[in-house]
C-alpha atoms as a PDB file:
ATOM      1  CA  MET A   1     -44.296 -11.513 -11.193  1.00  0.00           C
ATOM      2  CA  ASP A   2     -44.214 -11.816 -14.974  1.00  0.00           C
ATOM      3  CA  GLY A   3     -45.714 -15.302 -15.421  1.00  0.00           C
ATOM      4  CA  HIS A   4     -49.096 -16.998 -15.381  1.00  0.00           C
ATOM      5  CA  ILE A   5     -50.677 -18.493 -12.244  1.00  0.00           C
ATOM      6  CA  HIS A   6     -53.751 -20.680 -12.442  1.00  0.00           C
ATOM      7  CA  GLY A   7     -54.835 -20.854  -8.795  1.00  0.00           C
ATOM      8  CA  ASN A   8     -55.119 -18.696  -5.711  1.00  0.00           C
ATOM      9  CA  VAL A   9     -52.345 -16.449  -4.393  1.00  0.00           C
ATOM     10  CA  VAL A  10     -52.521 -16.184  -0.601  1.00  0.00           C
ATOM     11  CA  ALA A  11     -50.041 -14.560   1.798  1.00  0.00           C
ATOM     12  CA  GLU A  12     -49.900 -16.516   5.045  1.00  0.00           C
ATOM     13  CA  GLY A  13     -49.240 -15.116   8.498  1.00  0.00           C
ATOM     14  CA  GLU A  14     -49.341 -11.567   9.739  1.00  0.00           C
ATOM     15  CA  GLY A  15     -46.368 -10.328   7.686  1.00  0.00           C
ATOM     16  CA  ARG A  16     -46.248  -7.372   5.350  1.00  0.00           C
ATOM     17  CA  SER A  17     -46.384  -9.368   2.128  1.00  0.00           C
ATOM     18  CA  VAL A  18     -46.496  -7.568  -1.221  1.00  0.00           C
ATOM     19  CA  LEU A  19     -47.570  -8.938  -4.593  1.00  0.00           C
ATOM     20  CA  ILE A  20     -46.340  -7.063  -7.666  1.00  0.00           C
ATOM     21  CA  LEU A  21     -47.834  -8.230 -10.966  1.00  0.00           C
ATOM     22  CA  SER A  22     -46.196  -6.820 -14.100  1.00  0.00           C
ATOM     23  CA  GLU A  23     -48.077  -5.915 -17.265  1.00  0.00           C
ATOM     24  CA  HIS A  24     -47.161  -9.374 -18.648  1.00  0.00           C
ATOM     25  CA  GLY A  25     -48.401 -11.233 -15.549  1.00  0.00           C
ATOM     26  CA  ARG A  26     -51.731 -13.032 -15.289  1.00  0.00           C
ATOM     27  CA  ILE A  27     -53.484 -14.652 -12.314  1.00  0.00           C
ATOM     28  CA  GLU A  28     -56.592 -16.782 -12.707  1.00  0.00           C
ATOM     29  CA  GLY A  29     -57.742 -17.178  -9.125  1.00  0.00           C
ATOM     30  CA  GLU A  30     -58.316 -15.273  -5.925  1.00  0.00           C
ATOM     31  CA  VAL A  31     -55.627 -12.954  -4.531  1.00  0.00           C
ATOM     32  CA  ARG A  32     -55.324 -12.410  -0.738  1.00  0.00           C
ATOM     33  CA  VAL A  33     -52.245 -10.318   0.021  1.00  0.00           C
ATOM     34  CA  PRO A  34     -51.953  -7.274   2.338  1.00  0.00           C
ATOM     35  CA  GLN A  35     -50.360  -5.062  -0.332  1.00  0.00           C
ATOM     36  CA  VAL A  36     -51.062  -5.538  -4.041  1.00  0.00           C
ATOM     37  CA  VAL A  37     -49.563  -3.679  -7.006  1.00  0.00           C
ATOM     38  CA  LEU A  38     -51.167  -4.699 -10.297  1.00  0.00           C
ATOM     39  CA  ASN A  39     -50.244  -3.800 -13.843  1.00  0.00           C
ATOM     40  CA  GLY A  40     -51.325  -7.126 -15.356  1.00  0.00           C
ATOM     41  CA  THR A  41     -54.498  -9.225 -15.426  1.00  0.00           C
ATOM     42  CA  VAL A  42     -56.365 -10.867 -12.545  1.00  0.00           C
ATOM     43  CA  ILE A  43     -59.420 -13.003 -13.171  1.00  0.00           C
ATOM     44  CA  GLY A  44     -60.816 -13.418  -9.668  1.00  0.00           C
ATOM     45  CA  ASP A  45     -61.393 -11.369  -6.544  1.00  0.00           C
ATOM     46  CA  VAL A  46     -58.571  -9.301  -5.034  1.00  0.00           C
ATOM     47  CA  HIS A  47     -58.461  -8.905  -1.230  1.00  0.00           C
ATOM     48  CA  ALA A  48     -55.884  -6.441   0.127  1.00  0.00           C
ATOM     49  CA  SER A  49     -56.064  -5.700   3.846  1.00  0.00           C
ATOM     50  CA  GLU A  50     -53.722  -2.715   3.499  1.00  0.00           C
ATOM     51  CA  ARG A  51     -53.331  -1.261   0.010  1.00  0.00           C
ATOM     52  CA  VAL A  52     -54.125  -1.839  -3.672  1.00  0.00           C
ATOM     53  CA  GLU A  53     -52.362   0.010  -6.462  1.00  0.00           C
ATOM     54  CA  LEU A  54     -53.833  -0.423  -9.935  1.00  0.00           C
ATOM     55  CA  ALA A  55     -51.388   0.783 -12.589  1.00  0.00           C
ATOM     56  CA  SER A  56     -52.489   1.901 -16.054  1.00  0.00           C
ATOM     57  CA  LYS A  57     -52.491  -1.578 -17.634  1.00  0.00           C
ATOM     58  CA  ALA A  58     -54.173  -3.373 -14.707  1.00  0.00           C
ATOM     59  CA  ARG A  59     -57.219  -5.456 -15.641  1.00  0.00           C
ATOM     60  CA  VAL A  60     -59.304  -7.082 -12.898  1.00  0.00           C
ATOM     61  CA  THR A  61     -62.331  -9.235 -13.649  1.00  0.00           C
ATOM     62  CA  GLY A  62     -63.748  -9.653 -10.170  1.00  0.00           C
ATOM     63  CA  ASN A  63     -64.308  -7.640  -7.027  1.00  0.00           C
ATOM     64  CA  VAL A  64     -61.543  -5.614  -5.372  1.00  0.00           C
ATOM     65  CA  TYR A  65     -61.645  -5.454  -1.558  1.00  0.00           C
ATOM     66  CA  TYR A  66     -59.309  -2.778  -0.224  1.00  0.00           C
ATOM     67  CA  ASN A  67     -58.431  -0.576   2.726  1.00  0.00           C
ATOM     68  CA  LEU A  68     -56.592   2.042   0.636  1.00  0.00           C
ATOM     69  CA  ILE A  69     -56.652   2.192  -3.164  1.00  0.00           C
ATOM     70  CA  GLU A  70     -54.734   4.050  -5.852  1.00  0.00           C
ATOM     71  CA  MET A  71     -55.968   3.724  -9.421  1.00  0.00           C
ATOM     72  CA  ALA A  72     -54.187   5.123 -12.473  1.00  0.00           C
ATOM     73  CA  ILE A  73     -55.905   6.340 -15.606  1.00  0.00           C
ATOM     74  CA  GLY A  74     -56.418   3.330 -17.863  1.00  0.00           C
ATOM     75  CA  ALA A  75     -56.790   0.736 -15.080  1.00  0.00           C
ATOM     76  CA  GLU A  76     -59.914  -1.386 -15.417  1.00  0.00           C
ATOM     77  CA  VAL A  77     -62.050  -3.201 -12.852  1.00  0.00           C
ATOM     78  CA  ASN A  78     -64.939  -5.319 -14.100  1.00  0.00           C
ATOM     79  CA  GLY A  79     -66.557  -5.913 -10.730  1.00  0.00           C
ATOM     80  CA  SER A  80     -67.143  -3.999  -7.531  1.00  0.00           C
ATOM     81  CA  LEU A  81     -64.765  -1.857  -5.495  1.00  0.00           C
ATOM     82  CA  VAL A  82     -65.466  -2.633  -1.838  1.00  0.00           C
ATOM     83  CA  HIS A  83     -63.862  -0.574   0.923  1.00  0.00           C
ATOM     84  CA  ARG A  84     -63.001  -2.596   4.009  1.00  0.00           C
ATOM     85  CA  THR A  85     -61.221  -1.591   7.160  1.00  0.00           C
ATOM     86  CA  ARG A  86     -58.553  -3.887   8.558  1.00  0.00           C
ATOM     87  CA  THR A  87     -61.011  -4.978  11.261  1.00  0.00           C
ATOM     88  CA  ALA A  88     -63.666  -5.938   8.703  1.00  0.00           C
ATOM     89  CA  GLU A  89     -61.072  -7.875   6.684  1.00  0.00           C
ATOM     90  CA  ALA A  90     -59.998  -9.839   9.772  1.00  0.00           C
ATOM     91  CA  GLU A  91     -63.617 -10.675  10.624  1.00  0.00           C
ATOM     92  CA  ALA A  92     -64.324 -11.769   7.035  1.00  0.00           C
ATOM     93  CA  SER A  93     -61.350 -14.132   7.010  1.00  0.00           C
ATOM     94  CA  ALA A  94     -62.104 -15.687  10.431  1.00  0.00           C
ATOM     95  CA  PRO A  95     -63.282 -19.323  10.304  1.00  0.00           C
ATOM     96  CA  ALA A  96     -67.066 -19.712  10.367  1.00  0.00           C
ATOM     97  CA  ASP A  97     -66.910 -22.114  13.322  1.00  0.00           C
ATOM     98  CA  ALA A  98     -64.878 -19.727  15.486  1.00  0.00           C
ATOM     99  CA  PRO A  99     -66.707 -18.699  18.666  1.00  0.00           C
ATOM    100  CA  ALA A 100     -68.131 -15.207  18.753  1.00  0.00           C
ATOM    101  CA  PRO A 101     -66.377 -12.771  21.077  1.00  0.00           C
ATOM    102  CA  ALA A 102     -67.913 -12.655  24.527  1.00  0.00           C
ATOM    103  CA  SER A 103     -70.110  -9.689  25.298  1.00  0.00           C
ATOM    104  CA  PRO A 104     -69.335  -7.787  28.476  1.00  0.00           C
ATOM    105  CA  GLU A 105     -71.672  -8.536  31.350  1.00  0.00           C
ATOM    106  CA  PRO A 106     -74.216  -5.798  32.026  1.00  0.00           C
ATOM    107  CA  VAL A 107     -73.360  -3.609  34.982  1.00  0.00           C
ATOM    108  CA  ALA A 108     -76.033  -3.455  37.678  1.00  0.00           C
ATOM    109  CA  GLY A 109     -76.812   0.098  38.613  1.00  0.00           C
ATOM    110  CA  GLY A 110     -78.758   1.793  41.349  1.00  0.00           C
ATOM    111  CA  ASN A 111     -78.818   1.344  45.104  1.00  0.00           C
ATOM    112  CA  SER A 112     -79.277  -2.077  46.693  1.00  0.00           C
END
């Protein structure tokens, strides 16, 4: 993408979506895409459940949540880099009112 987006960029579904932001691209909002390749500017948090690649002209003002990350010399992140596994990412994006997973029943031991 070479343009300017004022709003969130969210990949829906379980697909293997990829966002590629050129050095002329700018996003002002949150990014939630499994694979992200940045060489432009993002003002907002970046959430990538699979991979983030920050090229030399990438500028992120916000936190970057990633499973795998590649960062070139010259890339800039003004925020935190937070490693997350795919499981942690799925739990973080689950609705707050979703029921908690059931715990297994304890197994009675010993002789009766």
